[in-house]
């Protein structure tokens, strides 16, 4: 399994999404876009998540 390009952490009601592609200076890819969309959709559907950053 490859390293994730988007890291996800939740503390209380805040979910933090972090770009994680240090070898490429976090340059944005279509894979990252798909992952971010999925994570934001998941956060929106999770009542315990009040904010995403």
N, C-alpha and C. Protein backbone atom coordinates (compact mmCIF):
# COMPACT_ATOMS: atom_id res chain seq x y z
N UNK A 1 0.85 -1.19 0.00
CA UNK A 1 0.00 0.00 0.00
C UNK A 1 0.89 1.24 0.00
N UNK A 2 0.56 2.21 -0.81
CA UNK A 2 1.35 3.43 -0.87
C UNK A 2 0.95 4.38 0.26
N UNK A 3 1.79 5.34 0.52
CA UNK A 3 1.50 6.33 1.56
C UNK A 3 0.30 7.16 1.13
N UNK A 4 -0.54 7.54 2.09
CA UNK A 4 -1.70 8.38 1.74
C UNK A 4 -1.25 9.78 1.34
N UNK A 5 -1.94 10.37 0.38
CA UNK A 5 -1.61 11.72 -0.06
C UNK A 5 -2.41 12.77 0.70
N UNK A 6 -3.43 12.33 1.41
CA UNK A 6 -4.22 13.22 2.26
C UNK A 6 -4.33 12.55 3.62
N UNK A 7 -3.85 13.23 4.64
CA UNK A 7 -3.95 12.70 6.01
C UNK A 7 -5.21 13.24 6.66
N UNK A 8 -5.86 12.41 7.45
CA UNK A 8 -7.10 12.80 8.11
C UNK A 8 -6.95 12.57 9.61
N UNK A 9 -7.30 13.58 10.39
CA UNK A 9 -7.29 13.47 11.85
C UNK A 9 -8.52 14.17 12.39
N UNK A 10 -9.10 13.62 13.43
CA UNK A 10 -10.25 14.28 14.05
C UNK A 10 -9.98 14.43 15.54
N UNK A 11 -10.14 15.66 16.02
CA UNK A 11 -10.02 15.98 17.43
C UNK A 11 -11.32 16.63 17.84
N UNK A 12 -12.07 15.94 18.68
CA UNK A 12 -13.38 16.45 19.05
C UNK A 12 -14.25 16.54 17.82
N UNK A 13 -14.81 17.70 17.58
CA UNK A 13 -15.70 17.88 16.43
C UNK A 13 -15.01 18.50 15.21
N UNK A 14 -13.68 18.60 15.25
CA UNK A 14 -12.92 19.20 14.14
C UNK A 14 -12.13 18.12 13.41
N UNK A 15 -12.36 18.02 12.10
CA UNK A 15 -11.62 17.08 11.27
C UNK A 15 -10.62 17.88 10.44
N UNK A 16 -9.36 17.48 10.52
CA UNK A 16 -8.29 18.17 9.80
C UNK A 16 -7.81 17.31 8.64
N UNK A 17 -7.80 17.89 7.45
CA UNK A 17 -7.31 17.23 6.25
C UNK A 17 -5.99 17.90 5.87
N UNK A 18 -4.95 17.10 5.71
CA UNK A 18 -3.61 17.63 5.44
C UNK A 18 -3.06 17.02 4.16
N UNK A 19 -2.63 17.88 3.23
CA UNK A 19 -1.97 17.38 2.02
C UNK A 19 -0.64 16.76 2.44
N UNK A 20 -0.34 15.56 1.90
CA UNK A 20 0.88 14.87 2.32
C UNK A 20 1.57 14.23 1.11
N UNK A 21 2.30 15.06 0.44
CA UNK A 21 3.09 14.61 -0.70
C UNK A 21 4.42 15.37 -0.67
N UNK A 22 5.17 15.20 0.42
CA UNK A 22 6.37 16.02 0.64
C UNK A 22 7.44 15.89 -0.45
N UNK A 23 7.58 14.72 -1.04
CA UNK A 23 8.61 14.54 -2.08
C UNK A 23 8.32 15.41 -3.30
N UNK A 24 7.04 15.76 -3.50
CA UNK A 24 6.65 16.59 -4.65
C UNK A 24 6.21 17.98 -4.19
N UNK A 25 6.65 18.37 -2.99
CA UNK A 25 6.31 19.67 -2.41
C UNK A 25 4.80 19.90 -2.35
N UNK A 26 4.06 18.82 -2.08
CA UNK A 26 2.60 18.84 -1.96
C UNK A 26 1.89 19.32 -3.22
N UNK A 27 2.51 19.09 -4.38
CA UNK A 27 1.81 19.46 -5.62
C UNK A 27 0.52 18.66 -5.70
N UNK A 28 -0.52 19.32 -6.18
CA UNK A 28 -1.88 18.78 -6.17
C UNK A 28 -2.10 17.86 -7.36
N UNK A 29 -2.72 16.71 -7.12
CA UNK A 29 -3.01 15.75 -8.19
C UNK A 29 -4.51 15.46 -8.24
N UNK A 30 -4.93 14.83 -9.32
CA UNK A 30 -6.34 14.44 -9.41
C UNK A 30 -6.68 13.39 -8.36
N UNK A 31 -5.73 12.56 -8.00
CA UNK A 31 -5.94 11.59 -6.92
C UNK A 31 -6.25 12.32 -5.61
N UNK A 32 -5.50 13.37 -5.32
CA UNK A 32 -5.73 14.14 -4.10
C UNK A 32 -7.09 14.83 -4.14
N UNK A 33 -7.48 15.34 -5.29
CA UNK A 33 -8.79 15.97 -5.43
C UNK A 33 -9.90 14.98 -5.10
N UNK A 34 -9.79 13.79 -5.64
CA UNK A 34 -10.79 12.76 -5.36
C UNK A 34 -10.84 12.40 -3.89
N UNK A 35 -9.67 12.28 -3.29
CA UNK A 35 -9.61 11.94 -1.86
C UNK A 35 -10.19 13.07 -1.01
N UNK A 36 -9.86 14.32 -1.33
CA UNK A 36 -10.40 15.46 -0.59
C UNK A 36 -11.92 15.52 -0.71
N UNK A 37 -12.43 15.34 -1.92
CA UNK A 37 -13.89 15.33 -2.12
C UNK A 37 -14.55 14.26 -1.26
N UNK A 38 -13.98 13.07 -1.29
CA UNK A 38 -14.52 11.96 -0.50
C UNK A 38 -14.50 12.25 0.99
N UNK A 39 -13.40 12.80 1.47
CA UNK A 39 -13.27 13.11 2.90
C UNK A 39 -14.21 14.24 3.31
N UNK A 40 -14.38 15.24 2.46
CA UNK A 40 -15.31 16.33 2.78
C UNK A 40 -16.75 15.84 2.77
N UNK A 41 -17.09 14.96 1.84
CA UNK A 41 -18.43 14.36 1.83
C UNK A 41 -18.66 13.54 3.09
N UNK A 42 -17.65 12.77 3.49
CA UNK A 42 -17.77 11.96 4.71
C UNK A 42 -17.93 12.85 5.93
N UNK A 43 -17.19 13.95 5.99
CA UNK A 43 -17.30 14.88 7.12
C UNK A 43 -18.69 15.50 7.17
N UNK A 44 -19.22 15.86 6.01
CA UNK A 44 -20.55 16.48 5.96
C UNK A 44 -21.63 15.50 6.43
N UNK A 45 -21.41 14.21 6.24
CA UNK A 45 -22.38 13.20 6.62
C UNK A 45 -22.19 12.70 8.05
N UNK A 46 -21.18 13.22 8.75
CA UNK A 46 -20.88 12.77 10.10
C UNK A 46 -21.33 13.81 11.11
N UNK A 47 -22.39 13.52 11.88
CA UNK A 47 -22.89 14.50 12.86
C UNK A 47 -21.84 14.92 13.90
N UNK A 48 -20.90 14.04 14.20
CA UNK A 48 -19.88 14.36 15.20
C UNK A 48 -18.83 15.33 14.67
N UNK A 49 -18.85 15.59 13.37
CA UNK A 49 -17.88 16.51 12.76
C UNK A 49 -18.57 17.84 12.49
N UNK A 50 -18.18 18.87 13.23
CA UNK A 50 -18.80 20.20 13.08
C UNK A 50 -18.00 21.10 12.15
N UNK A 51 -16.72 20.78 11.94
CA UNK A 51 -15.88 21.64 11.09
C UNK A 51 -14.78 20.80 10.46
N UNK A 52 -14.41 21.17 9.23
CA UNK A 52 -13.28 20.55 8.53
C UNK A 52 -12.33 21.65 8.14
N UNK A 53 -11.03 21.40 8.31
CA UNK A 53 -10.05 22.40 7.91
C UNK A 53 -8.84 21.72 7.32
